[in-house]
Amino acid sequence: MIRGYQVTIVFVSVLVLADTLERARAIGVTVALLPPWYDVDTPQDLRLLRLHVALDPSRARVTAARLGEM
């Protein structure tokens, strides 16, 4: 929990990212963005994730382990 940060953002808004960044910066929180990635919501998404992780399991060790348990 970040002191002074209250979640009052409407998460259905197309501006949710901008709102979140603005509010975090307003209270002095340093933020960084990672490269965009995809959601894993469907069996097809899971297959794609398995393929990505198989290319270099060392980059996502915990994910690779969890996928191995499935």
PDB file of N, CA and C in Angstrom:
ATOM      1  N   MET A   1       0.843  -1.173   0.000  1.00  0.00           N
ATOM      2  CA  MET A   1       0.000   0.000   0.000  1.00  0.00           C
ATOM      3  C   MET A   1       0.886   1.233   0.000  1.00  0.00           C
ATOM      4  N   ILE A   2       0.548   2.188  -0.794  1.00  0.00           N
ATOM      5  CA  ILE A   2       1.294   3.440  -0.877  1.00  0.00           C
ATOM      6  C   ILE A   2       0.552   4.487  -0.069  1.00  0.00           C
ATOM      7  N   ARG A   3       1.224   5.030   0.924  1.00  0.00           N
ATOM      8  CA  ARG A   3       0.597   6.040   1.784  1.00  0.00           C
ATOM      9  C   ARG A   3       0.179   7.241   0.939  1.00  0.00           C
ATOM     10  N   GLY A   4      -1.051   7.682   1.111  1.00  0.00           N
ATOM     11  CA  GLY A   4      -1.553   8.842   0.389  1.00  0.00           C
ATOM     12  C   GLY A   4      -2.164   8.516  -0.958  1.00  0.00           C
ATOM     13  N   TYR A   5      -2.129   7.256  -1.333  1.00  0.00           N
ATOM     14  CA  TYR A   5      -2.677   6.868  -2.637  1.00  0.00           C
ATOM     15  C   TYR A   5      -3.983   6.139  -2.404  1.00  0.00           C
ATOM     16  N   GLN A   6      -5.057   6.713  -2.881  1.00  0.00           N
ATOM     17  CA  GLN A   6      -6.363   6.080  -2.771  1.00  0.00           C
ATOM     18  C   GLN A   6      -6.843   5.722  -4.165  1.00  0.00           C
ATOM     19  N   VAL A   7      -7.366   4.537  -4.289  1.00  0.00           N
ATOM     20  CA  VAL A   7      -7.863   4.089  -5.581  1.00  0.00           C
ATOM     21  C   VAL A   7      -9.276   4.604  -5.765  1.00  0.00           C
ATOM     22  N   THR A   8      -9.404   5.631  -6.581  1.00  0.00           N
ATOM     23  CA  THR A   8     -10.718   6.183  -6.919  1.00  0.00           C
ATOM     24  C   THR A   8     -10.800   6.349  -8.427  1.00  0.00           C
ATOM     25  N   ILE A   9     -10.130   5.468  -9.129  1.00  0.00           N
ATOM     26  CA  ILE A   9     -10.076   5.532 -10.586  1.00  0.00           C
ATOM     27  C   ILE A   9     -11.172   4.637 -11.151  1.00  0.00           C
ATOM     28  N   VAL A  10     -11.856   5.113 -12.156  1.00  0.00           N
ATOM     29  CA  VAL A  10     -12.870   4.314 -12.837  1.00  0.00           C
ATOM     30  C   VAL A  10     -12.133   3.395 -13.805  1.00  0.00           C
ATOM     31  N   PHE A  11     -12.105   2.105 -13.500  1.00  0.00           N
ATOM     32  CA  PHE A  11     -11.301   1.170 -14.268  1.00  0.00           C
ATOM     33  C   PHE A  11     -11.896   0.783 -15.612  1.00  0.00           C
ATOM     34  N   VAL A  12     -13.062   1.275 -15.940  1.00  0.00           N
ATOM     35  CA  VAL A  12     -13.620   1.008 -17.262  1.00  0.00           C
ATOM     36  C   VAL A  12     -13.265   2.122 -18.235  1.00  0.00           C
ATOM     37  N   SER A  13     -12.583   3.113 -17.752  1.00  0.00           N
ATOM     38  CA  SER A  13     -12.234   4.272 -18.568  1.00  0.00           C
ATOM     39  C   SER A  13     -11.043   3.958 -19.465  1.00  0.00           C
ATOM     40  N   VAL A  14     -11.057   4.520 -20.665  1.00  0.00           N
ATOM     41  CA  VAL A  14      -9.900   4.386 -21.551  1.00  0.00           C
ATOM     42  C   VAL A  14      -8.732   5.215 -21.034  1.00  0.00           C
ATOM     43  N   LEU A  15      -8.991   6.045 -20.039  1.00  0.00           N
ATOM     44  CA  LEU A  15      -7.955   6.900 -19.467  1.00  0.00           C
ATOM     45  C   LEU A  15      -7.371   6.337 -18.178  1.00  0.00           C
ATOM     46  N   VAL A  16      -7.654   5.088 -17.858  1.00  0.00           N
ATOM     47  CA  VAL A  16      -7.235   4.539 -16.572  1.00  0.00           C
ATOM     48  C   VAL A  16      -5.723   4.599 -16.398  1.00  0.00           C
ATOM     49  N   LEU A  17      -4.961   4.303 -17.424  1.00  0.00           N
ATOM     50  CA  LEU A  17      -3.505   4.362 -17.299  1.00  0.00           C
ATOM     51  C   LEU A  17      -3.047   5.784 -17.022  1.00  0.00           C
ATOM     52  N   ALA A  18      -3.536   6.718 -17.805  1.00  0.00           N
ATOM     53  CA  ALA A  18      -3.148   8.118 -17.608  1.00  0.00           C
ATOM     54  C   ALA A  18      -3.554   8.609 -16.223  1.00  0.00           C
ATOM     55  N   ASP A  19      -4.753   8.253 -15.775  1.00  0.00           N
ATOM     56  CA  ASP A  19      -5.222   8.657 -14.447  1.00  0.00           C
ATOM     57  C   ASP A  19      -4.339   8.063 -13.347  1.00  0.00           C
ATOM     58  N   THR A  20      -4.002   6.800 -13.486  1.00  0.00           N
ATOM     59  CA  THR A  20      -3.171   6.135 -12.486  1.00  0.00           C
ATOM     60  C   THR A  20      -1.793   6.776 -12.408  1.00  0.00           C
ATOM     61  N   LEU A  21      -1.184   7.016 -13.565  1.00  0.00           N
ATOM     62  CA  LEU A  21       0.143   7.638 -13.591  1.00  0.00           C
ATOM     63  C   LEU A  21       0.109   9.041 -13.002  1.00  0.00           C
ATOM     64  N   GLU A  22      -0.906   9.790 -13.358  1.00  0.00           N
ATOM     65  CA  GLU A  22      -1.036  11.158 -12.855  1.00  0.00           C
ATOM     66  C   GLU A  22      -1.158  11.175 -11.332  1.00  0.00           C
ATOM     67  N   ARG A  23      -1.987  10.310 -10.801  1.00  0.00           N
ATOM     68  CA  ARG A  23      -2.198  10.291  -9.348  1.00  0.00           C
ATOM     69  C   ARG A  23      -0.958   9.805  -8.607  1.00  0.00           C
ATOM     70  N   ALA A  24      -0.286   8.823  -9.163  1.00  0.00           N
ATOM     71  CA  ALA A  24       0.940   8.336  -8.521  1.00  0.00           C
ATOM     72  C   ALA A  24       2.001   9.429  -8.501  1.00  0.00           C
ATOM     73  N   ARG A  25       2.180  10.099  -9.610  1.00  0.00           N
ATOM     74  CA  ARG A  25       3.180  11.172  -9.676  1.00  0.00           C
ATOM     75  C   ARG A  25       2.814  12.334  -8.759  1.00  0.00           C
ATOM     76  N   ALA A  26       1.526  12.599  -8.617  1.00  0.00           N
ATOM     77  CA  ALA A  26       1.075  13.703  -7.767  1.00  0.00           C
ATOM     78  C   ALA A  26       1.464  13.504  -6.309  1.00  0.00           C
ATOM     79  N   ILE A  27       1.605  12.253  -5.891  1.00  0.00           N
ATOM     80  CA  ILE A  27       2.012  11.996  -4.505  1.00  0.00           C
ATOM     81  C   ILE A  27       3.481  11.597  -4.413  1.00  0.00           C
ATOM     82  N   GLY A  28       4.213  11.781  -5.509  1.00  0.00           N
ATOM     83  CA  GLY A  28       5.650  11.559  -5.480  1.00  0.00           C
ATOM     84  C   GLY A  28       6.114  10.141  -5.707  1.00  0.00           C
ATOM     85  N   VAL A  29       5.255   9.299  -6.247  1.00  0.00           N
ATOM     86  CA  VAL A  29       5.637   7.920  -6.526  1.00  0.00           C
ATOM     87  C   VAL A  29       6.277   7.856  -7.906  1.00  0.00           C
ATOM     88  N   THR A  30       7.462   7.281  -7.977  1.00  0.00           N
ATOM     89  CA  THR A  30       8.131   7.086  -9.255  1.00  0.00           C
ATOM     90  C   THR A  30       7.506   5.873  -9.936  1.00  0.00           C
ATOM     91  N   VAL A  31       7.158   6.028 -11.189  1.00  0.00           N
ATOM     92  CA  VAL A  31       6.537   4.928 -11.927  1.00  0.00           C
ATOM     93  C   VAL A  31       7.364   4.611 -13.164  1.00  0.00           C
ATOM     94  N   ALA A  32       7.242   3.382 -13.617  1.00  0.00           N
ATOM     95  CA  ALA A  32       7.885   2.943 -14.851  1.00  0.00           C
ATOM     96  C   ALA A  32       6.910   2.018 -15.562  1.00  0.00           C
ATOM     97  N   LEU A  33       6.952   2.030 -16.862  1.00  0.00           N
ATOM     98  CA  LEU A  33       6.071   1.175 -17.658  1.00  0.00           C
ATOM     99  C   LEU A  33       6.888   0.074 -18.320  1.00  0.00           C
ATOM    100  N   LEU A  34       6.345  -1.114 -18.306  1.00  0.00           N
ATOM    101  CA  LEU A  34       6.949  -2.238 -19.001  1.00  0.00           C
ATOM    102  C   LEU A  34       6.421  -2.272 -20.426  1.00  0.00           C
ATOM    103  N   PRO A  35       7.111  -2.976 -21.310  1.00  0.00           N
ATOM    104  CA  PRO A  35       6.581  -3.110 -22.669  1.00  0.00           C
ATOM    105  C   PRO A  35       5.208  -3.790 -22.631  1.00  0.00           C
ATOM    106  N   PRO A  36       4.328  -3.438 -23.553  1.00  0.00           N
ATOM    107  CA  PRO A  36       3.003  -4.077 -23.593  1.00  0.00           C
ATOM    108  C   PRO A  36       3.128  -5.593 -23.766  1.00  0.00           C
ATOM    109  N   TRP A  37       2.201  -6.297 -23.194  1.00  0.00           N
ATOM    110  CA  TRP A  37       2.155  -7.753 -23.312  1.00  0.00           C
ATOM    111  C   TRP A  37       0.707  -8.142 -23.517  1.00  0.00           C
ATOM    112  N   TYR A  38       0.421  -9.382 -23.592  1.00  0.00           N
ATOM    113  CA  TYR A  38      -0.945  -9.815 -23.860  1.00  0.00           C
ATOM    114  C   TYR A  38      -1.556 -10.448 -22.613  1.00  0.00           C
ATOM    115  N   ASP A  39      -2.878 -10.451 -22.572  1.00  0.00           N
ATOM    116  CA  ASP A  39      -3.597 -11.133 -21.497  1.00  0.00           C
ATOM    117  C   ASP A  39      -3.621 -12.629 -21.789  1.00  0.00           C
ATOM    118  N   VAL A  40      -3.756 -13.407 -20.754  1.00  0.00           N
ATOM    119  CA  VAL A  40      -3.917 -14.852 -20.908  1.00  0.00           C
ATOM    120  C   VAL A  40      -5.293 -15.192 -20.345  1.00  0.00           C
ATOM    121  N   ASP A  41      -6.280 -15.181 -21.241  1.00  0.00           N
ATOM    122  CA  ASP A  41      -7.675 -15.368 -20.849  1.00  0.00           C
ATOM    123  C   ASP A  41      -8.314 -16.614 -21.449  1.00  0.00           C
ATOM    124  N   THR A  42      -7.736 -17.144 -22.501  1.00  0.00           N
ATOM    125  CA  THR A  42      -8.360 -18.248 -23.225  1.00  0.00           C
ATOM    126  C   THR A  42      -7.351 -19.388 -23.392  1.00  0.00           C
ATOM    127  N   PRO A  43      -7.825 -20.574 -23.750  1.00  0.00           N
ATOM    128  CA  PRO A  43      -6.883 -21.670 -24.022  1.00  0.00           C
ATOM    129  C   PRO A  43      -5.863 -21.306 -25.112  1.00  0.00           C
ATOM    130  N   GLN A  44      -6.295 -20.556 -26.112  1.00  0.00           N
ATOM    131  CA  GLN A  44      -5.370 -20.130 -27.163  1.00  0.00           C
ATOM    132  C   GLN A  44      -4.286 -19.213 -26.604  1.00  0.00           C
ATOM    133  N   ASP A  45      -4.682 -18.316 -25.704  1.00  0.00           N
ATOM    134  CA  ASP A  45      -3.709 -17.431 -25.055  1.00  0.00           C
ATOM    135  C   ASP A  45      -2.702 -18.245 -24.248  1.00  0.00           C
ATOM    136  N   LEU A  46      -3.183 -19.266 -23.573  1.00  0.00           N
ATOM    137  CA  LEU A  46      -2.306 -20.108 -22.766  1.00  0.00           C
ATOM    138  C   LEU A  46      -1.311 -20.850 -23.649  1.00  0.00           C
ATOM    139  N   ARG A  47      -1.763 -21.323 -24.793  1.00  0.00           N
ATOM    140  CA  ARG A  47      -0.852 -21.988 -25.727  1.00  0.00           C
ATOM    141  C   ARG A  47       0.235 -21.023 -26.200  1.00  0.00           C
ATOM    142  N   LEU A  48      -0.152 -19.790 -26.495  1.00  0.00           N
ATOM    143  CA  LEU A  48       0.819 -18.784 -26.922  1.00  0.00           C
ATOM    144  C   LEU A  48       1.827 -18.510 -25.807  1.00  0.00           C
ATOM    145  N   LEU A  49       1.354 -18.404 -24.578  1.00  0.00           N
ATOM    146  CA  LEU A  49       2.251 -18.187 -23.447  1.00  0.00           C
ATOM    147  C   LEU A  49       3.226 -19.352 -23.307  1.00  0.00           C
ATOM    148  N   ARG A  50       2.727 -20.565 -23.431  1.00  0.00           N
ATOM    149  CA  ARG A  50       3.611 -21.738 -23.349  1.00  0.00           C
ATOM    150  C   ARG A  50       4.710 -21.662 -24.406  1.00  0.00           C
ATOM    151  N   LEU A  51       4.351 -21.259 -25.613  1.00  0.00           N
ATOM    152  CA  LEU A  51       5.350 -21.134 -26.683  1.00  0.00           C
ATOM    153  C   LEU A  51       6.386 -20.070 -26.346  1.00  0.00           C
ATOM    154  N   HIS A  52       5.931 -18.935 -25.867  1.00  0.00           N
ATOM    155  CA  HIS A  52       6.866 -17.862 -25.505  1.00  0.00           C
ATOM    156  C   HIS A  52       7.817 -18.301 -24.394  1.00  0.00           C
ATOM    157  N   VAL A  53       7.283 -18.928 -23.373  1.00  0.00           N
ATOM    158  CA  VAL A  53       8.116 -19.356 -22.248  1.00  0.00           C
ATOM    159  C   VAL A  53       9.088 -20.448 -22.685  1.00  0.00           C
ATOM    160  N   ALA A  54       8.654 -21.326 -23.571  1.00  0.00           N
ATOM    161  CA  ALA A  54       9.524 -22.404 -24.044  1.00  0.00           C
ATOM    162  C   ALA A  54      10.747 -21.867 -24.790  1.00  0.00           C
ATOM    163  N   LEU A  55      10.630 -20.694 -25.386  1.00  0.00           N
ATOM    164  CA  LEU A  55      11.768 -20.109 -26.108  1.00  0.00           C
ATOM    165  C   LEU A  55      12.925 -19.786 -25.177  1.00  0.00           C
ATOM    166  N   ASP A  56      12.634 -19.376 -23.956  1.00  0.00           N
ATOM    167  CA  ASP A  56      13.676 -19.053 -22.975  1.00  0.00           C
ATOM    168  C   ASP A  56      13.082 -19.107 -21.570  1.00  0.00           C
ATOM    169  N   PRO A  57      12.968 -20.310 -21.008  1.00  0.00           N
ATOM    170  CA  PRO A  57      12.360 -20.457 -19.687  1.00  0.00           C
ATOM    171  C   PRO A  57      13.079 -19.669 -18.591  1.00  0.00           C
ATOM    172  N   SER A  58      14.345 -19.357 -18.780  1.00  0.00           N
ATOM    173  CA  SER A  58      15.087 -18.629 -17.746  1.00  0.00           C
ATOM    174  C   SER A  58      14.581 -17.203 -17.570  1.00  0.00           C
ATOM    175  N   ARG A  59      13.892 -16.663 -18.557  1.00  0.00           N
ATOM    176  CA  ARG A  59      13.369 -15.300 -18.459  1.00  0.00           C
ATOM    177  C   ARG A  59      12.069 -15.242 -17.662  1.00  0.00           C
ATOM    178  N   ALA A  60      11.452 -16.399 -17.444  1.00  0.00           N
ATOM    179  CA  ALA A  60      10.185 -16.440 -16.695  1.00  0.00           C
ATOM    180  C   ALA A  60      10.143 -17.740 -15.900  1.00  0.00           C
ATOM    181  N   ARG A  61      11.079 -17.873 -14.978  1.00  0.00           N
ATOM    182  CA  ARG A  61      11.232 -19.142 -14.245  1.00  0.00           C
ATOM    183  C   ARG A  61       9.974 -19.561 -13.491  1.00  0.00           C
ATOM    184  N   VAL A  62       9.354 -18.634 -12.797  1.00  0.00           N
ATOM    185  CA  VAL A  62       8.163 -18.989 -12.014  1.00  0.00           C
ATOM    186  C   VAL A  62       7.017 -19.365 -12.946  1.00  0.00           C
ATOM    187  N   THR A  63       6.848 -18.593 -14.016  1.00  0.00           N
ATOM    188  CA  THR A  63       5.795 -18.914 -14.985  1.00  0.00           C
ATOM    189  C   THR A  63       6.051 -20.278 -15.603  1.00  0.00           C
ATOM    190  N   ALA A  64       7.300 -20.549 -15.973  1.00  0.00           N
ATOM    191  CA  ALA A  64       7.646 -21.849 -16.551  1.00  0.00           C
ATOM    192  C   ALA A  64       7.330 -22.974 -15.570  1.00  0.00           C
ATOM    193  N   ALA A  65       7.641 -22.767 -14.296  1.00  0.00           N
ATOM    194  CA  ALA A  65       7.356 -23.790 -13.287  1.00  0.00           C
ATOM    195  C   ALA A  65       5.856 -24.024 -13.157  1.00  0.00           C
ATOM    196  N   ARG A  66       5.084 -22.958 -13.122  1.00  0.00           N
ATOM    197  CA  ARG A  66       3.627 -23.097 -12.990  1.00  0.00           C
ATOM    198  C   ARG A  66       3.037 -23.778 -14.221  1.00  0.00           C
ATOM    199  N   LEU A  67       3.529 -23.415 -15.393  1.00  0.00           N
ATOM    200  CA  LEU A  67       3.034 -24.066 -16.607  1.00  0.00           C
ATOM    201  C   LEU A  67       3.370 -25.552 -16.586  1.00  0.00           C
ATOM    202  N   GLY A  68       4.528 -25.894 -16.028  1.00  0.00           N
ATOM    203  CA  GLY A  68       4.924 -27.290 -15.917  1.00  0.00           C
ATOM    204  C   GLY A  68       4.044 -28.087 -14.971  1.00  0.00           C
ATOM    205  N   GLU A  69       3.394 -27.408 -14.045  1.00  0.00           N
ATOM    206  CA  GLU A  69       2.490 -28.062 -13.092  1.00  0.00           C
ATOM    207  C   GLU A  69       1.106 -28.303 -13.676  1.00  0.00           C
ATOM    208  N   MET A  70       0.819 -27.678 -14.784  1.00  0.00           N
ATOM    209  CA  MET A  70      -0.528 -27.774 -15.368  1.00  0.00           C
ATOM    210  C   MET A  70      -0.666 -29.010 -16.230  1.00  0.00           C
TER     211      MET A  70
END
